[in-house]
Amino acid sequence: MIAFRKWGLIHRPVSVIGWVITIAAIAFMVQVFLAIDARSHSNTDTLYGIYPFWGVTFLGWEWLARRLSSD
């Protein structure tokens, strides 16, 4: 099953499954941002708070995209 295609340094979704995975990752990152930003006192607090979640989510998304790509 091909869900992603290589596009420069990252992969882009080309099927419904690829789009569902991508939208789910983005929705999770938005939810994390809103939850952490509501309790932060500064921009730095927000960045330090979202970094572990966003980093792991992006790396997991990229790993999955590599496994489900045609390259």
N, C-alpha and C. Protein backbone atom coordinates (compact mmCIF):
# COMPACT_ATOMS: atom_id res chain seq x y z
N MET A 1 0.84 -1.17 0.00
CA MET A 1 0.00 0.00 0.00
C MET A 1 0.89 1.24 0.00
N ILE A 2 0.65 2.13 -0.92
CA ILE A 2 1.41 3.37 -1.01
C ILE A 2 0.54 4.50 -0.46
N ALA A 3 0.96 5.06 0.67
CA ALA A 3 0.20 6.14 1.28
C ALA A 3 0.94 7.47 1.18
N PHE A 4 2.26 7.42 0.96
CA PHE A 4 3.08 8.62 0.88
C PHE A 4 4.05 8.52 -0.29
N ARG A 5 4.51 9.67 -0.76
CA ARG A 5 5.57 9.74 -1.77
C ARG A 5 6.63 10.71 -1.28
N LYS A 6 7.86 10.41 -1.60
CA LYS A 6 8.97 11.29 -1.21
C LYS A 6 8.81 12.62 -1.92
N TRP A 7 9.02 13.69 -1.17
CA TRP A 7 8.85 15.04 -1.70
C TRP A 7 9.91 15.92 -1.05
N GLY A 8 11.06 16.02 -1.68
CA GLY A 8 12.17 16.75 -1.08
C GLY A 8 12.72 15.99 0.10
N LEU A 9 12.79 16.65 1.24
CA LEU A 9 13.31 16.01 2.44
C LEU A 9 12.26 15.25 3.24
N ILE A 10 10.99 15.51 2.96
CA ILE A 10 9.92 14.84 3.70
C ILE A 10 9.06 14.03 2.74
N HIS A 11 7.97 13.52 3.22
CA HIS A 11 7.02 12.77 2.40
C HIS A 11 5.69 13.49 2.39
N ARG A 12 4.94 13.31 1.33
CA ARG A 12 3.60 13.92 1.26
C ARG A 12 2.57 12.83 1.10
N PRO A 13 1.40 12.99 1.69
CA PRO A 13 0.36 11.97 1.58
C PRO A 13 -0.23 11.95 0.17
N VAL A 14 -0.48 10.75 -0.35
CA VAL A 14 -1.07 10.62 -1.68
C VAL A 14 -2.31 9.73 -1.69
N SER A 15 -2.70 9.21 -0.53
CA SER A 15 -3.90 8.39 -0.45
C SER A 15 -4.71 8.81 0.77
N VAL A 16 -5.88 8.24 0.89
CA VAL A 16 -6.76 8.58 2.01
C VAL A 16 -6.09 8.21 3.34
N ILE A 17 -5.45 7.06 3.39
CA ILE A 17 -4.78 6.62 4.62
C ILE A 17 -3.67 7.61 5.00
N GLY A 18 -2.92 8.05 4.01
CA GLY A 18 -1.85 9.02 4.27
C GLY A 18 -2.40 10.33 4.82
N TRP A 19 -3.52 10.78 4.25
CA TRP A 19 -4.13 12.02 4.74
C TRP A 19 -4.70 11.85 6.14
N VAL A 20 -5.29 10.71 6.43
CA VAL A 20 -5.83 10.47 7.77
C VAL A 20 -4.71 10.47 8.81
N ILE A 21 -3.59 9.84 8.49
CA ILE A 21 -2.44 9.82 9.41
C ILE A 21 -1.91 11.24 9.62
N THR A 22 -1.79 12.00 8.54
CA THR A 22 -1.26 13.36 8.61
C THR A 22 -2.20 14.27 9.41
N ILE A 23 -3.48 14.20 9.14
CA ILE A 23 -4.44 15.06 9.85
C ILE A 23 -4.52 14.68 11.32
N ALA A 24 -4.42 13.39 11.63
CA ALA A 24 -4.42 12.96 13.03
C ALA A 24 -3.19 13.50 13.77
N ALA A 25 -2.04 13.47 13.12
CA ALA A 25 -0.82 14.01 13.74
C ALA A 25 -0.94 15.51 13.97
N ILE A 26 -1.46 16.22 12.99
CA ILE A 26 -1.62 17.67 13.13
C ILE A 26 -2.65 18.00 14.22
N ALA A 27 -3.74 17.26 14.27
CA ALA A 27 -4.76 17.49 15.31
C ALA A 27 -4.18 17.25 16.70
N PHE A 28 -3.37 16.21 16.84
CA PHE A 28 -2.73 15.94 18.13
C PHE A 28 -1.79 17.08 18.52
N MET A 29 -1.00 17.58 17.56
CA MET A 29 -0.06 18.66 17.87
C MET A 29 -0.79 19.96 18.23
N VAL A 30 -1.91 20.23 17.57
CA VAL A 30 -2.69 21.43 17.91
C VAL A 30 -3.27 21.31 19.32
N GLN A 31 -3.78 20.14 19.65
CA GLN A 31 -4.35 19.92 20.98
C GLN A 31 -3.28 20.07 22.06
N VAL A 32 -2.10 19.52 21.82
CA VAL A 32 -1.00 19.65 22.78
C VAL A 32 -0.61 21.11 22.94
N PHE A 33 -0.52 21.84 21.83
CA PHE A 33 -0.17 23.25 21.90
C PHE A 33 -1.18 24.03 22.74
N LEU A 34 -2.46 23.82 22.48
CA LEU A 34 -3.48 24.57 23.21
C LEU A 34 -3.48 24.23 24.69
N ALA A 35 -3.28 22.97 25.03
CA ALA A 35 -3.26 22.56 26.44
C ALA A 35 -2.06 23.14 27.17
N ILE A 36 -0.91 23.10 26.55
CA ILE A 36 0.30 23.59 27.21
C ILE A 36 0.34 25.11 27.24
N ASP A 37 -0.11 25.74 26.15
CA ASP A 37 -0.09 27.21 26.10
C ASP A 37 -1.04 27.82 27.12
N ALA A 38 -2.12 27.15 27.44
CA ALA A 38 -3.08 27.67 28.42
C ALA A 38 -2.47 27.74 29.82
N ARG A 39 -1.47 26.92 30.09
CA ARG A 39 -0.87 26.87 31.43
C ARG A 39 0.54 27.46 31.48
N SER A 40 0.99 28.01 30.37
CA SER A 40 2.35 28.57 30.31
C SER A 40 2.36 30.03 30.73
N HIS A 41 3.51 30.45 31.21
CA HIS A 41 3.66 31.85 31.62
C HIS A 41 4.44 32.66 30.60
N SER A 42 5.09 31.98 29.65
CA SER A 42 5.87 32.70 28.64
C SER A 42 5.97 31.85 27.38
N ASN A 43 6.49 32.47 26.33
CA ASN A 43 6.69 31.75 25.09
C ASN A 43 7.68 30.61 25.27
N THR A 44 8.69 30.83 26.08
CA THR A 44 9.69 29.79 26.32
C THR A 44 9.07 28.59 27.02
N ASP A 45 8.20 28.84 27.99
CA ASP A 45 7.49 27.73 28.65
C ASP A 45 6.71 26.90 27.63
N THR A 46 6.05 27.58 26.71
CA THR A 46 5.28 26.88 25.69
C THR A 46 6.19 26.05 24.79
N LEU A 47 7.28 26.64 24.33
CA LEU A 47 8.19 25.90 23.46
C LEU A 47 8.81 24.70 24.15
N TYR A 48 9.25 24.88 25.39
CA TYR A 48 9.80 23.74 26.14
C TYR A 48 8.75 22.67 26.40
N GLY A 49 7.51 23.08 26.55
CA GLY A 49 6.44 22.12 26.83
C GLY A 49 6.02 21.32 25.60
N ILE A 50 5.97 21.97 24.43
CA ILE A 50 5.49 21.26 23.24
C ILE A 50 6.59 20.47 22.53
N TYR A 51 7.84 20.83 22.76
CA TYR A 51 8.94 20.19 22.04
C TYR A 51 8.94 18.67 22.14
N PRO A 52 8.82 18.07 23.33
CA PRO A 52 8.85 16.59 23.38
C PRO A 52 7.70 15.94 22.61
N PHE A 53 6.52 16.54 22.66
CA PHE A 53 5.37 15.96 21.97
C PHE A 53 5.46 16.16 20.46
N TRP A 54 5.80 17.38 20.04
CA TRP A 54 5.89 17.66 18.61
C TRP A 54 7.03 16.91 17.96
N GLY A 55 8.17 16.85 18.65
CA GLY A 55 9.33 16.15 18.08
C GLY A 55 9.05 14.68 17.87
N VAL A 56 8.50 14.03 18.87
CA VAL A 56 8.20 12.60 18.77
C VAL A 56 7.10 12.35 17.74
N THR A 57 6.11 13.22 17.68
CA THR A 57 5.03 13.06 16.71
C THR A 57 5.57 13.19 15.29
N PHE A 58 6.40 14.19 15.04
CA PHE A 58 6.95 14.36 13.69
C PHE A 58 7.86 13.20 13.31
N LEU A 59 8.71 12.76 14.24
CA LEU A 59 9.60 11.64 13.93
C LEU A 59 8.80 10.36 13.69
N GLY A 60 7.76 10.15 14.46
CA GLY A 60 6.90 8.98 14.24
C GLY A 60 6.16 9.05 12.92
N TRP A 61 5.68 10.24 12.57
CA TRP A 61 5.00 10.43 11.30
C TRP A 61 5.96 10.18 10.14
N GLU A 62 7.15 10.70 10.23
CA GLU A 62 8.14 10.52 9.16
C GLU A 62 8.55 9.05 9.05
N TRP A 63 8.72 8.36 10.17
CA TRP A 63 9.06 6.94 10.15
C TRP A 63 7.94 6.14 9.46
N LEU A 64 6.70 6.43 9.82
CA LEU A 64 5.57 5.74 9.22
C LEU A 64 5.46 6.08 7.73
N ALA A 65 5.70 7.32 7.37
CA ALA A 65 5.64 7.72 5.96
C ALA A 65 6.72 6.99 5.15
N ARG A 66 7.91 6.83 5.70
CA ARG A 66 8.96 6.08 5.00
C ARG A 66 8.55 4.63 4.78
N ARG A 67 7.89 4.05 5.77
CA ARG A 67 7.48 2.63 5.67
C ARG A 67 6.33 2.45 4.66
N LEU A 68 5.49 3.47 4.53
CA LEU A 68 4.32 3.36 3.64
C LEU A 68 4.52 4.08 2.31
N SER A 69 5.77 4.37 1.95
CA SER A 69 6.03 5.07 0.69
C SER A 69 6.53 4.10 -0.37
N SER A 70 6.54 4.57 -1.59
CA SER A 70 6.98 3.74 -2.71
C SER A 70 8.50 3.79 -2.90
N ASP A 71 9.19 4.66 -2.20
CA ASP A 71 10.64 4.82 -2.40
C ASP A 71 11.42 3.79 -1.63
